[in-house]
């Protein structure tokens, strides 16, 4: 949209005109030039180098030193979408942590970036079929990662790895601006157009490509009402045109240098898994077991002791715990276990497989008022058969602390009427999750 070609048109006209017309034209141009007392800032900037224009823009925004001095930002105010104004909370933390909490048509919507992955939570079925926090669709990820960049792209652009090209004076939507083309390191394939005010050198418009309802389209942003906060300039009014949507962000307060816990930027653990978060890690395990308590009930008081280690991994953003443990009893076995929470049925579910039984056992249960998680296979239909007996299993997870927890295993030969102890395991942390 840069206005080019006027010189080419002039040359063509001069070639086809008479000498008399050319002289008149030259005379007219001279008169017009004499009537201009000095160059405007835009004209002066037109011959400037890219470095000079970027430097003027950085200076207008407050300077790199002032931006580097800020570690956290919190903005609050009003966010309007679909003609519904609602309050919003926007938090940023260096280098690229981002959390935007707002409402759209009365439904809460969170958009966040944890430094590696963008996630969201929304109650709008047209946007996401999940009402719980989930990783954003792939097409939306790059835009959120760019939005999460703490400072404007011109600030420390070389350190960030961004390439900025000076386009020149540009006419856009009937106004004159100074245009920069920015290719960010994270997304060099898309050129962003940024338009600076020719007087203040502040960014007032940006034209980028963003995802909209599953496809890429142009996004136009207007930045206005700049105010100084902690030595830097921050726009307090941002209008966004994306597809058929018009969004308005009106900032009422900005706070800097807050203590913001990194946890707010992390996708929340699924319902029920917060209690079990500390189970991830490497553990020393003390095992106490009975020798065939069902076959030899007289030996129930004779507990044998052994030691082993266990590694429990947190998978799928904490929604699944996966354990690998070698159980060194009289019948050694290698066990693989997975524990999760079913939000739809509101139960914990444990899947257990070991090399001795070669049986996939599924146990379900809930958290009791005493803080214990009790799981059984009474309802799952996965008991084992030994000596023509059907043996159900029950596991009790209790005394859960940061660096220790306990697990008791019991068996029942009569469908859960009576339970007998079989195994007691005490976990002591060796290290955090590998």
Protein backbone atom coordinates (compact mmCIF):
# COMPACT_ATOMS: atom_id res chain seq x y z
CA UNK A 1 0.00 0.00 0.00
CA UNK A 2 3.07 2.28 -0.26
CA UNK A 3 2.43 5.04 -2.76
CA UNK A 4 4.84 4.40 -5.58
CA UNK A 5 4.74 5.11 -9.27
CA UNK A 6 4.16 8.86 -9.21
CA UNK A 7 7.68 9.53 -10.53
CA UNK A 8 7.20 6.98 -13.32
CA UNK A 9 3.93 8.66 -14.34
CA UNK A 10 5.65 12.03 -14.37
CA UNK A 11 8.42 10.80 -16.67
CA UNK A 12 5.93 9.32 -19.12
CA UNK A 13 3.99 12.61 -19.19
CA UNK A 14 7.12 14.64 -19.81
CA UNK A 15 8.16 12.42 -22.73
CA UNK A 16 4.81 12.92 -24.49
CA UNK A 17 4.40 16.62 -23.69
CA UNK A 18 5.70 19.58 -25.68
CA UNK A 19 8.73 21.61 -24.58
CA UNK A 20 6.38 24.46 -23.66
CA UNK A 21 4.28 22.19 -21.43
CA UNK A 22 7.38 20.81 -19.79
CA UNK A 23 8.69 24.29 -18.99
CA UNK A 24 5.31 25.26 -17.52
CA UNK A 25 5.29 22.10 -15.42
CA UNK A 26 8.79 22.71 -14.10
CA UNK A 27 7.86 26.29 -13.25
CA UNK A 28 4.75 25.12 -11.38
CA UNK A 29 6.74 22.57 -9.39
CA UNK A 30 9.23 25.26 -8.44
CA UNK A 31 6.48 27.53 -7.18
CA UNK A 32 4.99 24.71 -5.09
CA UNK A 33 8.35 23.83 -3.60
CA UNK A 34 9.01 27.44 -2.66
CA UNK A 35 5.71 27.45 -0.80
CA UNK A 36 6.81 24.67 1.54
CA UNK A 37 8.85 26.12 4.39
CA UNK A 38 10.38 22.87 5.65
CA UNK A 39 10.18 19.07 5.48
CA UNK A 40 7.63 17.27 7.66
CA UNK A 41 8.78 14.56 10.05
CA UNK A 42 7.36 11.96 7.72
CA UNK A 43 9.41 13.31 4.81
CA UNK A 44 12.54 13.43 6.93
CA UNK A 45 11.97 9.86 8.05
CA UNK A 46 11.47 8.74 4.45
CA UNK A 47 15.19 9.02 3.77
CA UNK A 48 16.19 7.63 7.14
CA UNK A 49 17.64 4.19 7.60
CA UNK A 50 15.71 1.32 9.14
CA UNK A 51 17.89 1.51 12.24
CA UNK A 52 17.04 5.17 12.75
CA UNK A 53 13.30 4.63 12.41
CA UNK A 54 13.36 1.62 14.74
CA UNK A 55 15.42 3.61 17.23
CA UNK A 56 12.88 6.44 17.15
CA UNK A 57 10.06 3.93 17.68
CA UNK A 58 11.88 2.23 20.57
CA UNK A 59 12.56 5.60 22.15
CA UNK A 60 8.90 6.58 21.80
CA UNK A 61 7.85 3.36 23.54
CA UNK A 62 10.09 4.19 26.50
CA UNK A 63 13.40 2.65 25.51
CA UNK A 64 14.84 -0.82 25.83
CA UNK A 65 16.28 -0.22 29.31
CA UNK A 66 12.90 0.74 30.75
CA UNK A 67 11.25 -2.30 29.21
CA UNK A 68 13.98 -4.64 30.47
CA UNK A 69 13.44 -3.33 33.99
CA UNK A 70 9.86 -4.62 34.01
CA UNK A 71 9.42 -8.31 34.82
CA UNK A 72 5.64 -8.52 35.19
CA UNK A 73 2.58 -6.68 33.92
CA UNK A 74 -1.05 -6.83 34.99
CA UNK A 75 -3.78 -5.05 33.04
CA UNK A 76 -7.43 -4.82 34.00
CA UNK A 77 -10.37 -3.09 32.40
CA UNK A 78 -13.25 -3.77 30.03
CA UNK A 79 -13.30 -6.16 27.09
CA UNK A 80 -16.13 -5.85 24.58
CA UNK A 81 -17.09 -8.61 22.15
CA UNK A 82 -20.42 -9.23 20.43
CA UNK A 83 -21.46 -5.83 21.85
CA UNK A 84 -21.17 -7.16 25.41
CA UNK A 85 -18.70 -5.25 27.64
CA UNK A 86 -17.18 -7.41 30.38
CA UNK A 87 -14.26 -7.11 32.79
CA UNK A 88 -10.93 -8.68 31.89
CA UNK A 89 -7.63 -9.60 33.55
CA UNK A 90 -4.42 -9.81 31.52
CA UNK A 91 -1.15 -10.92 33.10
CA UNK A 92 2.29 -11.13 31.52
CA UNK A 93 5.61 -12.34 32.85
CA UNK A 94 9.01 -12.50 31.25
CA UNK A 95 10.04 -13.92 28.94
CA UNK A 96 6.78 -15.06 27.35
CA UNK A 97 4.19 -16.13 29.91
CA UNK A 98 0.66 -14.96 29.13
CA UNK A 99 -2.77 -15.22 30.80
CA UNK A 100 -5.90 -13.49 29.49
CA UNK A 101 -9.10 -14.07 31.50
CA UNK A 102 -12.29 -12.52 30.13
CA UNK A 103 -15.92 -13.18 29.23
CA UNK A 104 -17.54 -13.57 25.83
CA UNK A 105 -21.33 -13.51 25.69
CA UNK A 106 -21.45 -14.16 29.44
CA UNK A 107 -19.25 -17.25 29.14
CA UNK A 108 -15.81 -17.25 30.75
CA UNK A 109 -12.89 -17.67 28.40
CA UNK A 110 -9.22 -18.06 29.33
CA UNK A 111 -6.38 -17.92 26.79
CA UNK A 112 -2.88 -18.64 28.12
CA UNK A 113 0.65 -19.54 27.13
CA UNK A 114 3.01 -21.38 29.47
CA UNK A 115 6.18 -20.70 27.53
CA UNK A 116 5.79 -23.74 25.29
CA UNK A 117 2.13 -24.48 24.70
CA UNK A 118 -0.99 -22.36 24.29
CA UNK A 119 -4.12 -23.56 26.09
CA UNK A 120 -7.62 -22.26 26.61
CA UNK A 121 -10.80 -22.84 28.55
CA UNK A 122 -14.10 -21.69 27.16
CA UNK A 123 -17.78 -22.30 27.67
CA UNK A 124 -18.62 -21.47 24.06
CA UNK A 125 -19.41 -24.63 22.05
CA UNK A 126 -18.82 -22.78 18.78
CA UNK A 127 -15.18 -22.32 19.83
CA UNK A 128 -14.39 -25.54 21.71
CA UNK A 129 -16.34 -28.67 22.52
CA UNK A 130 -14.46 -28.96 25.83
CA UNK A 131 -15.51 -26.93 28.85
CA UNK A 132 -12.30 -27.82 30.69
CA UNK A 133 -8.78 -26.43 30.01
CA UNK A 134 -7.28 -28.00 26.88
CA UNK A 135 -4.41 -27.37 24.52
CA UNK A 136 -5.46 -24.97 21.78
CA UNK A 137 -5.90 -26.27 18.22
CA UNK A 138 -2.67 -26.17 16.24
CA UNK A 139 -3.78 -23.36 13.94
CA UNK A 140 -4.21 -20.98 16.91
CA UNK A 141 -0.91 -21.81 18.63
CA UNK A 142 1.49 -19.49 16.69
CA UNK A 143 -0.64 -16.39 17.23
CA UNK A 144 -0.85 -16.91 20.99
CA UNK A 145 2.89 -17.53 21.19
CA UNK A 146 3.49 -14.20 19.42
CA UNK A 147 0.94 -12.41 21.59
CA UNK A 148 2.74 -13.75 24.66
CA UNK A 149 5.95 -11.89 23.78
CA UNK A 150 6.43 -9.61 26.77
CA UNK A 151 7.46 -6.39 25.02
CA UNK A 152 6.55 -4.93 21.60
CA UNK A 153 8.44 -6.65 18.75
CA UNK A 154 10.59 -3.55 18.11
CA UNK A 155 12.05 -3.72 21.63
CA UNK A 156 15.31 -5.75 21.64
CA UNK A 157 14.35 -7.06 18.21
CA UNK A 158 17.86 -8.23 17.37
CA UNK A 159 18.17 -10.21 20.61
CA UNK A 160 14.76 -11.73 19.94
CA UNK A 161 15.84 -12.73 16.43
CA UNK A 162 13.24 -10.60 14.62
CA UNK A 163 13.94 -9.10 11.21
CA UNK A 164 12.59 -5.58 10.66
CA UNK A 165 12.54 -3.85 7.28
CA UNK A 166 11.82 -0.15 6.76
CA UNK A 167 9.18 0.22 4.04
CA UNK A 168 8.77 3.99 4.08
CA UNK A 169 5.92 6.44 4.16
CA UNK A 170 2.61 4.69 3.50
CA UNK A 171 -1.00 5.68 2.90
CA UNK A 172 -3.42 3.37 4.65
CA UNK A 173 -7.16 3.87 5.01
CA UNK A 174 -6.78 7.50 3.99
CA UNK A 175 -4.05 8.33 6.51
CA UNK A 176 -0.27 8.67 6.27
CA UNK A 177 1.94 6.39 8.35
CA UNK A 178 5.50 5.11 8.55
CA UNK A 179 5.52 1.40 7.76
CA UNK A 180 7.72 -1.38 9.12
CA UNK A 181 7.69 -4.98 7.97
CA UNK A 182 8.43 -7.38 10.83
CA UNK A 183 9.24 -11.07 10.47
CA UNK A 184 9.43 -12.66 13.87
CA UNK A 185 11.82 -15.47 14.66
CA UNK A 186 8.99 -17.78 15.74
CA UNK A 187 7.05 -17.26 12.51
CA UNK A 188 9.34 -15.90 9.75
CA UNK A 189 6.99 -16.98 6.97
CA UNK A 190 4.39 -14.33 7.83
CA UNK A 191 5.31 -10.70 7.36
CA UNK A 192 3.59 -8.38 9.83
CA UNK A 193 2.90 -4.79 8.79
CA UNK A 194 3.28 -2.23 11.56
CA UNK A 195 2.34 1.41 11.04
CA UNK A 196 3.88 4.22 13.09
CA UNK A 197 2.48 7.64 13.72
CA UNK A 198 4.72 10.04 11.68
CA UNK A 199 4.81 12.56 14.54
CA UNK A 200 5.20 10.38 17.63
CA UNK A 201 6.74 7.25 16.03
CA UNK A 202 4.45 5.16 18.24
CA UNK A 203 2.85 2.01 16.71
CA UNK A 204 -0.78 2.83 15.95
CA UNK A 205 -1.78 0.02 13.56
CA UNK A 206 -0.75 -3.57 12.88
CA UNK A 207 -1.85 -5.87 10.08
CA UNK A 208 -1.16 -9.55 10.67
CA UNK A 209 -2.52 -13.00 9.84
CA UNK A 210 -4.39 -14.77 12.61
CA UNK A 211 -6.62 -17.82 12.97
CA UNK A 212 -10.36 -17.20 12.94
CA UNK A 213 -12.84 -20.06 13.36
CA UNK A 214 -10.30 -22.55 12.04
CA UNK A 215 -8.83 -20.62 9.10
CA UNK A 216 -6.27 -17.85 8.66
CA UNK A 217 -7.39 -14.33 7.88
CA UNK A 218 -6.19 -10.76 8.32
CA UNK A 219 -6.27 -9.14 11.71
CA UNK A 220 -6.20 -5.34 11.95
CA UNK A 221 -5.40 -3.72 15.26
CA UNK A 222 -5.64 -0.06 16.26
CA UNK A 223 -3.53 1.10 19.24
CA UNK A 224 -4.58 4.33 20.91
CA UNK A 225 -4.51 6.30 24.17
CA UNK A 226 -0.87 5.64 25.06
CA UNK A 227 0.01 6.36 28.67
CA UNK A 228 3.29 6.12 30.56
CA UNK A 229 3.56 3.30 33.08
CA UNK A 230 6.86 2.66 34.87
CA UNK A 231 8.69 4.56 32.17
CA UNK A 232 7.17 2.78 29.17
CA UNK A 233 4.25 3.64 26.90
CA UNK A 234 1.29 1.26 26.94
CA UNK A 235 -1.86 1.69 24.79
CA UNK A 236 -4.99 1.85 26.91
CA UNK A 237 -7.37 1.31 24.00
CA UNK A 238 -6.94 -1.51 21.47
CA UNK A 239 -9.47 -2.19 18.73
CA UNK A 240 -9.24 -5.50 16.86
CA UNK A 241 -10.94 -6.41 13.60
CA UNK A 242 -10.74 -10.13 12.90
CA UNK A 243 -13.03 -11.74 10.36
CA UNK A 244 -16.55 -10.60 11.24
CA UNK A 245 -15.61 -9.84 14.85
CA UNK A 246 -14.88 -6.46 16.35
CA UNK A 247 -13.18 -6.53 19.75
CA UNK A 248 -12.41 -3.63 22.03
CA UNK A 249 -9.98 -3.62 24.94
CA UNK A 250 -10.19 -0.63 27.27
CA UNK A 251 -7.54 -0.61 30.00
CA UNK A 252 -8.43 1.03 33.30
CA UNK A 253 -5.36 0.08 35.35
CA UNK A 254 -1.83 -1.22 34.76
CA UNK A 255 0.41 -2.61 37.47
CA UNK A 256 4.04 -3.61 37.15
CA UNK A 257 6.62 -5.45 39.29
CA UNK A 258 4.01 -7.76 40.83
CA UNK A 259 4.85 -11.14 42.29
CA UNK A 260 3.05 -13.50 39.89
CA UNK A 261 3.31 -17.25 40.45
CA UNK A 262 4.23 -19.18 37.31
CA UNK A 263 1.47 -21.64 38.17
CA UNK A 264 -1.20 -19.25 36.86
CA UNK A 265 0.17 -19.67 33.35
CA UNK A 266 0.13 -23.47 33.54
CA UNK A 267 -2.89 -25.40 32.34
CA UNK A 268 -4.85 -26.40 35.47
CA UNK A 269 -4.74 -30.03 36.40
CA UNK A 270 -7.87 -32.02 35.58
CA UNK A 271 -10.48 -32.30 38.29
CA UNK A 272 -9.33 -34.66 41.03
CA UNK A 273 -5.68 -34.79 39.96
CA UNK A 274 -4.54 -31.88 42.12
CA UNK A 275 -4.56 -34.18 45.13
CA UNK A 276 -2.23 -36.60 43.35
CA UNK A 277 0.15 -34.07 41.80
CA UNK A 278 2.91 -34.81 44.31
CA UNK A 279 2.95 -38.52 43.39
CA UNK A 280 5.12 -37.82 40.35
CA UNK A 281 8.78 -38.55 41.03
CA UNK A 282 11.33 -41.24 41.83
CA UNK A 283 10.65 -43.22 45.01
CA UNK A 284 12.23 -45.64 47.43
CA UNK A 285 9.52 -48.19 48.26
CA UNK A 286 9.35 -50.39 51.36
CA UNK A 287 7.10 -53.40 50.70
CA UNK A 288 5.48 -55.51 53.40
CA UNK A 289 3.58 -58.51 52.11
CA UNK A 290 1.85 -61.67 53.27
CA UNK A 291 2.41 -65.08 51.73
CA UNK A 292 -0.89 -66.16 50.14
CA UNK A 293 -3.25 -64.84 52.86
CA UNK A 294 -6.24 -66.47 51.16
CA UNK A 295 -4.69 -69.92 50.75
CA UNK A 296 -2.86 -69.81 54.07
CA UNK A 297 -4.89 -67.56 56.41
CA UNK A 298 -2.79 -68.74 59.34
CA UNK A 299 0.15 -66.76 57.89
CA UNK A 300 -1.63 -63.42 57.91
CA UNK A 301 0.44 -62.19 60.81
CA UNK A 302 3.74 -63.07 59.16
CA UNK A 303 4.72 -60.00 57.18
CA UNK A 304 7.78 -60.15 54.96
CA UNK A 305 9.74 -57.06 54.02
CA UNK A 306 11.58 -56.02 50.87
CA UNK A 307 12.82 -52.84 49.15
CA UNK A 308 12.50 -51.58 45.61
CA UNK A 309 12.27 -48.35 43.62
CA UNK A 310 9.48 -46.79 41.61
CA UNK A 311 9.26 -44.08 38.98
CA UNK A 312 5.96 -42.25 38.54
CA UNK A 313 5.66 -39.98 35.51
CA UNK A 314 3.11 -37.21 35.06
CA UNK A 315 1.66 -37.53 31.56
CA UNK A 316 -0.74 -35.49 29.45
CA UNK A 317 -0.30 -32.26 31.42
CA UNK A 318 -0.93 -34.03 34.72
CA UNK A 319 -4.11 -35.83 33.69
CA UNK A 320 -2.42 -39.25 33.92
CA UNK A 321 0.11 -40.78 36.31
CA UNK A 322 2.14 -43.68 34.96
CA UNK A 323 4.13 -45.90 37.32
CA UNK A 324 6.85 -48.44 36.61
CA UNK A 325 7.76 -50.63 39.58
CA UNK A 326 9.45 -53.99 40.12
CA UNK A 327 7.82 -55.75 43.06
CA UNK A 328 10.42 -57.97 44.71
CA UNK A 329 8.31 -60.38 46.77
CA UNK A 330 8.41 -64.19 46.73
CA UNK A 331 6.71 -63.92 43.37
CA UNK A 332 8.62 -61.09 41.69
CA UNK A 333 6.82 -59.14 39.04
CA UNK A 334 7.22 -56.04 36.95
CA UNK A 335 4.16 -53.86 37.18
CA UNK A 336 2.90 -51.01 35.05
CA UNK A 337 0.16 -48.84 36.50
CA UNK A 338 -1.82 -45.84 35.26
CA UNK A 339 -3.98 -43.65 37.47
CA UNK A 340 -6.37 -40.91 36.32
CA UNK A 341 -9.64 -39.22 37.20
CA UNK A 342 -12.86 -39.63 35.21
CA UNK A 343 -14.49 -36.19 35.37
CA UNK A 344 -17.66 -37.48 33.72
CA UNK A 345 -18.34 -40.20 36.31
CA UNK A 346 -16.44 -38.49 39.12
CA UNK A 347 -14.30 -41.50 39.99
CA UNK A 348 -10.60 -42.30 40.10
CA UNK A 349 -9.55 -45.13 37.84
CA UNK A 350 -6.46 -47.31 38.21
CA UNK A 351 -5.26 -49.70 35.50
CA UNK A 352 -2.78 -52.32 36.71
CA UNK A 353 -0.82 -54.91 34.74
CA UNK A 354 2.00 -57.11 36.00
CA UNK A 355 4.10 -59.94 34.59
CA UNK A 356 2.96 -62.44 37.22
CA UNK A 357 -0.81 -62.34 36.73
CA UNK A 358 -0.56 -61.18 33.10
CA UNK A 359 -3.93 -59.65 33.73
CA UNK A 360 -5.22 -56.14 33.10
CA UNK A 361 -6.95 -55.13 36.29
CA UNK A 362 -9.14 -52.02 36.47
CA UNK A 363 -10.10 -50.46 39.80
CA UNK A 364 -12.38 -47.51 40.48
CA UNK A 365 -13.13 -45.42 43.53
CA UNK A 366 -13.55 -42.03 45.16
CA UNK A 367 -11.90 -39.77 47.65
CA UNK A 368 -13.28 -40.31 51.13
CA UNK A 369 -13.86 -37.71 53.81
CA UNK A 370 -10.82 -39.10 55.63
CA UNK A 371 -8.57 -38.09 52.69
CA UNK A 372 -8.08 -41.67 51.46
CA UNK A 373 -8.64 -42.76 47.88
CA UNK A 374 -10.23 -46.24 47.90
CA UNK A 375 -10.37 -48.17 44.63
CA UNK A 376 -11.81 -51.62 43.93
CA UNK A 377 -12.64 -53.83 40.96
CA UNK A 378 -16.05 -54.80 42.35
CA UNK A 379 -17.84 -52.80 39.65
CA UNK A 380 -15.35 -53.12 36.79
CA UNK A 381 -15.61 -56.88 36.27
CA UNK A 382 -11.87 -57.54 36.33
CA UNK A 383 -11.25 -59.85 39.33
CA UNK A 384 -8.73 -62.67 38.97
CA UNK A 385 -9.39 -66.41 39.32
CA UNK A 386 -7.10 -68.47 41.59
CA UNK A 387 -7.79 -72.01 42.80
CA UNK A 388 -11.38 -71.74 41.57
CA UNK A 389 -11.82 -68.65 43.66
CA UNK A 390 -12.80 -65.22 42.42
CA UNK A 391 -10.59 -62.68 44.14
CA UNK A 392 -11.50 -59.04 44.06
CA UNK A 393 -8.90 -56.39 44.83
CA UNK A 394 -9.00 -53.16 46.77
CA UNK A 395 -6.27 -50.52 46.94
CA UNK A 396 -6.15 -47.68 49.47
CA UNK A 397 -4.02 -44.62 48.78
CA UNK A 398 -3.47 -42.61 51.96
CA UNK A 399 -1.16 -40.37 53.99
CA UNK A 400 -0.30 -38.39 50.86
CA UNK A 401 2.43 -35.85 51.59
CA UNK A 402 4.95 -33.94 49.53
CA UNK A 403 7.71 -36.51 50.01
CA UNK A 404 5.87 -39.68 51.02
CA UNK A 405 2.64 -41.63 50.69
CA UNK A 406 1.30 -45.10 51.45
CA UNK A 407 -0.56 -47.72 49.44
CA UNK A 408 -2.35 -50.76 50.95
CA UNK A 409 -3.64 -53.63 48.85
CA UNK A 410 -6.39 -55.99 50.09
CA UNK A 411 -8.22 -58.98 48.62
CA UNK A 412 -11.73 -60.38 49.04
CA UNK A 413 -12.86 -63.95 48.25
CA UNK A 414 -16.57 -63.24 48.84
CA UNK A 415 -17.44 -60.34 46.55
CA UNK A 416 -16.40 -57.60 48.95
CA UNK A 417 -18.10 -58.85 52.12
CA UNK A 418 -14.76 -59.35 53.82
CA UNK A 419 -11.34 -57.94 52.96
CA UNK A 420 -7.97 -59.29 53.99
CA UNK A 421 -4.61 -57.47 53.84
CA UNK A 422 -2.12 -58.56 51.19
CA UNK A 423 0.43 -55.79 50.62
CA UNK A 424 1.57 -52.59 52.34
CA UNK A 425 3.81 -50.15 50.49
CA UNK A 426 5.47 -47.02 51.84
CA UNK A 427 6.88 -44.57 49.27
CA UNK A 428 9.69 -42.16 50.23
CA UNK A 429 10.85 -39.62 47.67
CA UNK A 430 14.32 -39.95 46.19
CA UNK A 431 14.00 -37.20 43.61
CA UNK A 432 11.56 -35.15 41.62
CA UNK A 433 10.16 -36.52 38.40
CA UNK A 434 13.00 -37.25 35.92
